[in-house]
Protein backbone atom coordinates (compact mmCIF):
# COMPACT_ATOMS: atom_id res chain seq x y z
CA MET A 1 116.87 94.24 70.74
CA LYS A 2 118.99 92.96 73.62
CA LYS A 3 118.68 94.26 77.22
CA GLU A 4 122.17 95.55 77.19
CA ASP A 5 121.55 97.52 73.89
CA ILE A 6 118.57 99.15 75.50
CA LYS A 7 120.48 100.06 78.70
CA GLU A 8 123.21 101.56 76.63
CA LEU A 9 120.58 103.64 74.64
CA ILE A 10 119.11 104.89 77.65
CA GLU A 11 122.41 105.89 79.20
CA PHE A 12 123.25 107.66 75.90
CA PHE A 13 119.88 109.42 75.95
CA ASN A 14 120.30 110.56 79.60
CA GLY A 15 123.51 112.27 78.66
CA MET A 16 122.04 114.26 75.93
CA ASP A 17 120.52 117.84 76.19
CA MET A 18 117.17 116.59 74.84
CA ASN A 19 113.93 115.45 76.54
CA ARG A 20 112.46 113.12 73.90
CA ILE A 21 113.67 110.91 71.23
CA LYS A 22 111.91 108.39 68.84
CA ILE A 23 113.93 105.61 66.85
CA LYS A 24 112.24 103.53 64.24
CA SER A 25 113.94 100.91 62.23
CA GLY A 26 111.74 98.39 60.33
CA ASP A 27 109.39 96.61 62.85
CA PHE A 28 111.41 98.08 65.83
CA GLU A 29 110.40 101.24 67.43
CA VAL A 30 111.39 102.92 70.73
CA GLU A 31 110.54 106.27 72.23
CA LEU A 32 112.25 107.86 75.26
CA GLU A 33 111.06 110.79 77.25
CA LYS A 34 112.49 112.39 80.27
CA PHE A 35 110.22 113.70 83.04
CA ALA A 36 111.76 116.96 84.08
CA ASP A 37 108.93 117.92 86.43
CA CYS A 38 109.25 114.76 88.60
CA CYS A 39 112.36 114.00 90.37
CA GLU A 40 115.21 116.05 88.65
CA LEU A 41 118.50 115.90 90.53
CA PRO A 42 121.07 118.68 90.53
CA GLN A 43 123.80 118.20 87.92
CA PRO A 44 127.41 118.41 88.97
CA MET A 45 129.43 121.25 87.37
CA PRO A 46 131.72 119.91 84.60
CA GLN A 47 135.23 120.03 85.35
CA ALA A 48 136.46 119.82 81.68
CA PRO A 49 134.74 119.95 78.24
CA ALA A 50 132.80 116.92 77.74
CA PRO A 51 133.97 114.55 74.95
CA ALA A 52 131.89 114.26 71.82
CA PRO A 53 129.26 111.43 72.20
CA THR A 54 130.34 108.01 70.91
CA PRO A 55 128.13 106.34 68.42
CA VAL A 56 125.84 103.70 69.78
CA ASN A 57 125.55 100.35 68.01
CA VAL A 58 121.96 99.23 68.11
CA VAL A 59 121.05 95.68 66.99
CA VAL A 60 117.54 95.55 65.64
CA SER A 61 115.75 92.22 66.03
CA SER A 62 112.20 91.46 64.62
CA GLU A 63 111.80 88.55 67.16
CA VAL A 64 108.55 88.78 68.99
CA LYS A 65 108.56 88.10 72.72
CA GLN A 66 104.79 88.14 73.37
CA ALA A 67 101.98 86.60 71.42
CA PRO A 68 99.90 89.19 69.65
CA SER A 69 96.53 89.69 71.33
CA SER A 70 93.25 91.02 69.98
CA LYS A 71 92.30 92.54 73.50
CA GLU A 72 93.23 96.02 74.44
CA SER A 73 96.03 96.48 76.84
CA ILE A 74 98.04 99.24 78.59
CA LYS A 75 101.67 98.79 77.55
CA SER A 76 105.05 99.66 79.26
CA PRO A 77 106.52 102.71 77.88
CA MET A 78 109.95 101.69 79.00
CA VAL A 79 112.32 98.96 80.39
CA GLY A 80 112.36 98.53 84.03
CA THR A 81 110.84 96.97 86.99
CA PHE A 82 107.10 97.21 87.58
CA TYR A 83 105.36 97.97 90.81
CA VAL A 84 101.72 97.96 91.52
CA ALA A 85 101.92 100.30 94.54
CA PRO A 86 103.81 103.33 95.72
CA SER A 87 105.58 101.46 98.39
CA PRO A 88 105.76 98.05 99.78
CA GLY A 89 102.62 97.07 101.83
CA ALA A 90 100.62 100.07 100.39
CA ALA A 91 97.34 99.60 98.47
CA PRO A 92 97.81 98.98 94.66
CA PHE A 93 97.17 101.73 92.22
CA VAL A 94 94.44 99.77 90.44
CA LYS A 95 92.61 96.43 90.76
CA VAL A 96 90.95 94.13 88.38
CA GLY A 97 87.48 95.32 87.77
CA GLN A 98 88.39 99.09 88.61
CA LYS A 99 87.38 101.93 86.21
CA VAL A 100 90.44 104.02 85.39
CA ARG A 101 90.32 107.46 83.87
CA ARG A 102 92.81 108.94 81.33
CA GLY A 103 95.74 110.21 83.20
CA GLU A 104 95.35 108.19 86.40
CA VAL A 105 98.48 106.34 87.81
CA ILE A 106 98.25 102.59 87.24
CA GLY A 107 101.63 101.54 88.47
CA ILE A 108 105.33 102.56 88.79
CA ILE A 109 108.38 101.46 86.63
CA GLU A 110 111.82 101.84 88.20
CA ALA A 111 114.38 102.57 85.59
CA MET A 112 117.99 103.51 86.31
CA LYS A 113 117.05 104.19 90.00
CA ILE A 114 114.23 106.57 88.93
CA MET A 115 110.66 105.89 89.81
CA ASN A 116 108.40 106.70 86.81
CA GLU A 117 104.65 106.95 87.36
CA ILE A 118 102.83 105.22 84.54
CA GLU A 119 99.36 106.67 83.64
CA ALA A 120 96.35 105.30 81.79
CA GLU A 121 96.38 106.73 78.17
CA PHE A 122 92.49 106.37 77.99
CA ASP A 123 89.46 105.69 80.11
CA CYS A 124 89.08 101.95 80.68
CA VAL A 125 88.21 99.10 83.02
CA ILE A 126 91.04 96.87 84.16
CA THR A 127 90.14 93.24 83.11
CA GLU A 128 93.34 91.53 83.86
CA ALA A 129 96.85 92.07 85.61
CA LEU A 130 99.48 90.82 83.23
CA VAL A 131 102.55 91.43 85.35
CA SER A 132 103.26 90.94 88.98
CA ASP A 133 104.66 93.29 91.48
CA GLY A 134 108.50 93.58 91.20
CA GLN A 135 108.56 91.87 87.73
CA PRO A 136 110.96 93.20 85.10
CA VAL A 137 109.14 94.61 82.02
CA GLU A 138 110.30 95.50 78.51
CA PHE A 139 109.31 98.33 76.31
CA GLY A 140 105.97 97.60 74.74
CA MET A 141 105.15 94.63 77.07
CA SER A 142 101.43 94.58 78.15
CA LEU A 143 100.87 95.62 81.78
CA PHE A 144 97.05 95.41 82.07
CA GLY A 145 94.42 93.91 79.97
CA VAL A 146 91.64 96.48 79.62
CA GLU A 147 88.25 97.44 78.09
CA LYS A 148 88.11 100.91 76.72
CA ILE A 149 85.04 102.93 77.93
């Protein structure tokens, strides 16, 4: 799937009155979820009835961007820019060798001007940092190599 297609899908999803969507076609799978309790902005009052949504053309590609790995990893749940710390110059959320509990914040992904905290999905030890601060990431891309506890 091309970056433009993903951006178009995210824009379409943000305009919908739903909080979660999952799309699966062959080897491609994407799941989007809005975080209403985080940084919700007030919505302007509509001036006229909204037009019906236009269909989104999604191009599915089975091309693999990253070599499969037998190691465990924490993967990116979305497309955006990855940050290791809450602000420039601040201490990183996690370091190699650190034990992380399920639900603990391991980084931030900025997507469409919204900062999304990324949490560990399981208890683990960080064994390797696979992306650097400020690096663009894609959905499903491995962020950290880990060992489950």
